Protein backbone atom coordinates (compact mmCIF):
# COMPACT_ATOMS: atom_id res chain seq x y z
CA MET A 1 -11.22 2.00 -71.19
CA ASP A 2 -11.49 5.38 -69.58
CA GLU A 3 -14.13 3.97 -67.24
CA GLU A 4 -11.85 1.14 -66.19
CA ARG A 5 -8.98 3.54 -65.63
CA GLU A 6 -11.15 5.87 -63.49
CA LYS A 7 -12.40 2.89 -61.47
CA TYR A 8 -8.81 1.70 -60.95
CA LEU A 9 -7.67 5.18 -59.85
CA ASN A 10 -10.63 5.55 -57.47
CA ASP A 11 -10.01 2.12 -55.99
CA SER A 12 -6.29 2.85 -55.50
CA GLN A 13 -7.03 6.24 -53.91
CA THR A 14 -9.55 4.65 -51.57
CA ALA A 15 -7.05 1.94 -50.63
CA ASP A 16 -4.33 4.56 -50.04
CA GLU A 17 -6.67 6.67 -47.90
CA GLN A 18 -7.69 3.64 -45.85
CA SER A 19 -4.09 2.56 -45.28
CA SER A 20 -3.01 6.07 -44.29
CA GLN A 21 -6.00 6.34 -41.97
CA GLN A 22 -5.08 3.00 -40.40
CA GLU A 23 -1.52 4.22 -39.91
CA VAL A 24 -2.76 7.38 -38.18
CA GLU A 25 -5.05 5.34 -35.92
CA ALA A 26 -2.20 2.95 -35.10
CA LYS A 27 0.08 5.86 -34.17
CA ALA A 28 -2.66 7.43 -32.07
CA SER A 29 -3.28 4.20 -30.19
CA GLU A 30 0.48 3.84 -29.59
CA GLU A 31 0.60 7.38 -28.23
CA LYS A 32 -2.32 6.69 -25.93
CA ILE A 33 -0.58 3.63 -24.60
CA ASP A 34 2.62 5.63 -24.06
CA LEU A 35 0.71 8.31 -22.18
CA LYS A 36 -1.01 5.80 -19.96
CA GLU A 37 2.24 4.01 -19.22
CA GLY A 38 4.21 7.22 -18.61
CA GLN A 39 1.73 9.17 -16.52
CA PRO A 40 -0.59 7.65 -13.96
CA GLU A 41 -4.05 9.09 -13.73
CA GLY A 42 -5.22 11.01 -10.66
CA GLU A 43 -4.46 14.19 -8.79
CA VAL A 44 -2.09 15.17 -6.04
CA LYS A 45 -3.42 17.79 -3.65
CA ILE A 46 -1.37 19.18 -0.79
CA ALA A 47 -3.29 20.49 2.21
CA GLU A 48 -2.93 24.12 3.22
CA GLU A 49 -1.77 22.98 6.67
CA VAL A 50 1.18 21.13 5.10
CA ILE A 51 2.22 24.20 3.13
CA SER A 52 1.78 26.28 6.31
CA GLN A 53 4.20 24.02 8.15
CA MET A 54 6.73 24.39 5.33
CA ALA A 55 6.38 28.17 5.45
CA ILE A 56 6.81 28.20 9.24
CA GLU A 57 9.98 26.12 9.00
CA ALA A 58 11.33 28.50 6.35
CA LEU A 59 10.35 31.44 8.55
CA LYS A 60 12.26 29.98 11.50
CA SER A 61 15.38 29.58 9.34
CA VAL A 62 15.67 33.36 8.87
CA PRO A 63 17.79 34.89 11.67
CA GLY A 64 16.05 37.50 13.81
CA VAL A 65 12.49 36.51 12.85
CA LEU A 66 9.74 35.04 14.99
CA PRO A 67 6.21 34.13 13.89
CA ALA A 68 3.68 36.62 15.27
CA SER A 69 -0.05 36.61 15.81
CA SER A 70 -2.04 37.43 12.73
CA GLY A 71 -4.32 39.84 14.54
CA LEU A 72 -7.84 40.19 15.85
CA VAL A 73 -9.58 38.61 12.84
CA ALA A 74 -7.70 35.35 13.37
CA ASN A 75 -8.48 35.35 17.09
CA LEU A 76 -12.18 35.68 16.30
CA ARG A 77 -11.80 32.80 13.83
CA LEU A 78 -13.24 34.78 10.94
CA GLY A 79 -12.18 33.78 7.45
CA ARG A 80 -9.34 31.33 6.85
CA ARG A 81 -7.41 30.54 9.97
CA PRO A 82 -3.72 31.28 9.96
CA VAL A 83 -1.39 28.88 11.71
CA SER A 84 1.38 30.41 13.83
CA GLY A 85 1.75 33.58 11.82
CA VAL A 86 1.20 32.10 8.35
CA LYS A 87 -1.91 32.12 6.17
CA ILE A 88 -2.00 30.12 2.93
CA THR A 89 -4.28 30.60 -0.08
CA ILE A 90 -4.14 28.06 -2.90
CA GLU A 91 -5.45 29.01 -6.33
CA GLU A 92 -6.40 25.84 -8.21
CA GLY A 93 -5.13 25.52 -11.74
CA PHE A 94 -2.32 23.93 -13.65
CA PRO A 95 0.05 24.36 -11.93
CA ASN A 96 -1.45 25.41 -8.62
CA GLU A 97 -0.45 28.84 -7.33
CA VAL A 98 0.08 29.75 -3.69
CA ILE A 99 -0.25 33.08 -1.93
CA VAL A 100 1.39 33.26 1.49
CA ASP A 101 0.67 35.89 4.14
CA THR A 102 3.22 35.90 6.96
CA TYR A 103 2.92 37.77 10.24
CA ILE A 104 6.30 38.25 11.89
CA SER A 105 8.18 39.95 14.67
CA VAL A 106 11.67 41.24 13.81
CA LYS A 107 14.60 41.44 16.20
CA TYR A 108 15.40 45.01 17.23
CA GLY A 109 18.35 46.44 15.32
CA LEU A 110 17.86 44.54 12.06
CA ARG A 111 16.92 46.34 8.86
CA ILE A 112 13.28 45.37 8.28
CA PRO A 113 13.23 45.50 4.44
CA ASP A 114 16.23 43.16 4.26
CA VAL A 115 14.68 40.73 6.75
CA ALA A 116 11.36 40.82 4.85
CA TRP A 117 13.15 40.02 1.59
CA ASP A 118 14.97 37.10 3.26
CA VAL A 119 11.61 35.81 4.55
CA GLN A 120 10.07 36.05 1.08
CA GLU A 121 12.94 34.20 -0.56
CA ALA A 122 13.12 31.47 2.09
CA ILE A 123 9.39 30.74 1.95
CA LYS A 124 9.23 30.90 -1.85
CA ASN A 125 12.16 28.51 -2.28
CA GLN A 126 10.90 26.07 0.36
CA ILE A 127 7.38 25.78 -1.06
CA GLU A 128 8.38 25.65 -4.73
CA ASN A 129 11.11 23.06 -4.13
CA TYR A 130 9.01 20.68 -2.05
CA THR A 131 5.55 21.02 -3.63
CA GLY A 132 6.06 21.99 -7.25
CA TYR A 133 3.45 24.72 -6.77
CA ILE A 134 4.21 28.22 -8.00
CA VAL A 135 4.42 30.86 -5.29
CA LYS A 136 2.52 33.83 -6.67
CA ALA A 137 3.17 36.13 -3.70
CA VAL A 138 4.66 36.17 -0.21
CA ASN A 139 3.18 39.08 1.75
CA VAL A 140 5.17 39.95 4.87
CA HIS A 141 3.29 41.74 7.67
CA VAL A 142 5.65 43.00 10.37
CA GLN A 143 3.54 42.96 13.54
CA GLY A 144 6.22 44.05 15.96
CA ILE A 145 9.80 43.95 17.10
CA HIS A 146 11.38 41.88 19.84
CA PHE A 147 14.45 42.42 21.97
CA THR A 148 17.04 39.94 23.11
CA GLU A 149 16.08 38.45 26.41
CA ASN A 150 18.28 39.41 29.31
CA LYS A 151 19.25 36.54 31.54
CA PRO A 152 17.66 37.06 34.95
CA GLN A 153 20.16 37.48 37.74
CA ASP A 154 20.03 35.02 40.59
CA GLN A 155 18.35 36.59 43.56
CA ASP A 156 20.48 34.51 45.90
CA THR A 157 23.65 36.22 44.68
CA VAL A 158 24.67 39.08 46.95
CA MET A 159 25.97 42.11 45.15
CA PRO A 160 28.78 43.98 47.01
């Protein structure tokens, strides 16, 4: 009788293990289906030029700032080419990280550290909000200052 009892216990354990294994497999297949239905496969990549345009628009929104030339290296077309005072570097990963180098001219009379901080915040917010990428750094290179343009006087006007 002990042999029959052992056989019965082994058979019931085997049946229980099989049913629990089937339950686990069923749950796993349900989860796979949920993942496939919830998240489409594929990648979304945003070109550096698109992010550059976003950074330029953010740069233009800061009062007293104009995009400047990025220097001699850009004119010689060495390395990555900056677009209108902005150079973008994307570090692939999950999520992607962006490093932005900006080259600006600041209006005379404005406090440069405050303007640079405003530029950093504007670019960071713009890129993170519209791309979902993380902005790792915004480097601001002040290349010069500019003055308000004086309106030219009409030469036809006679001064007394």
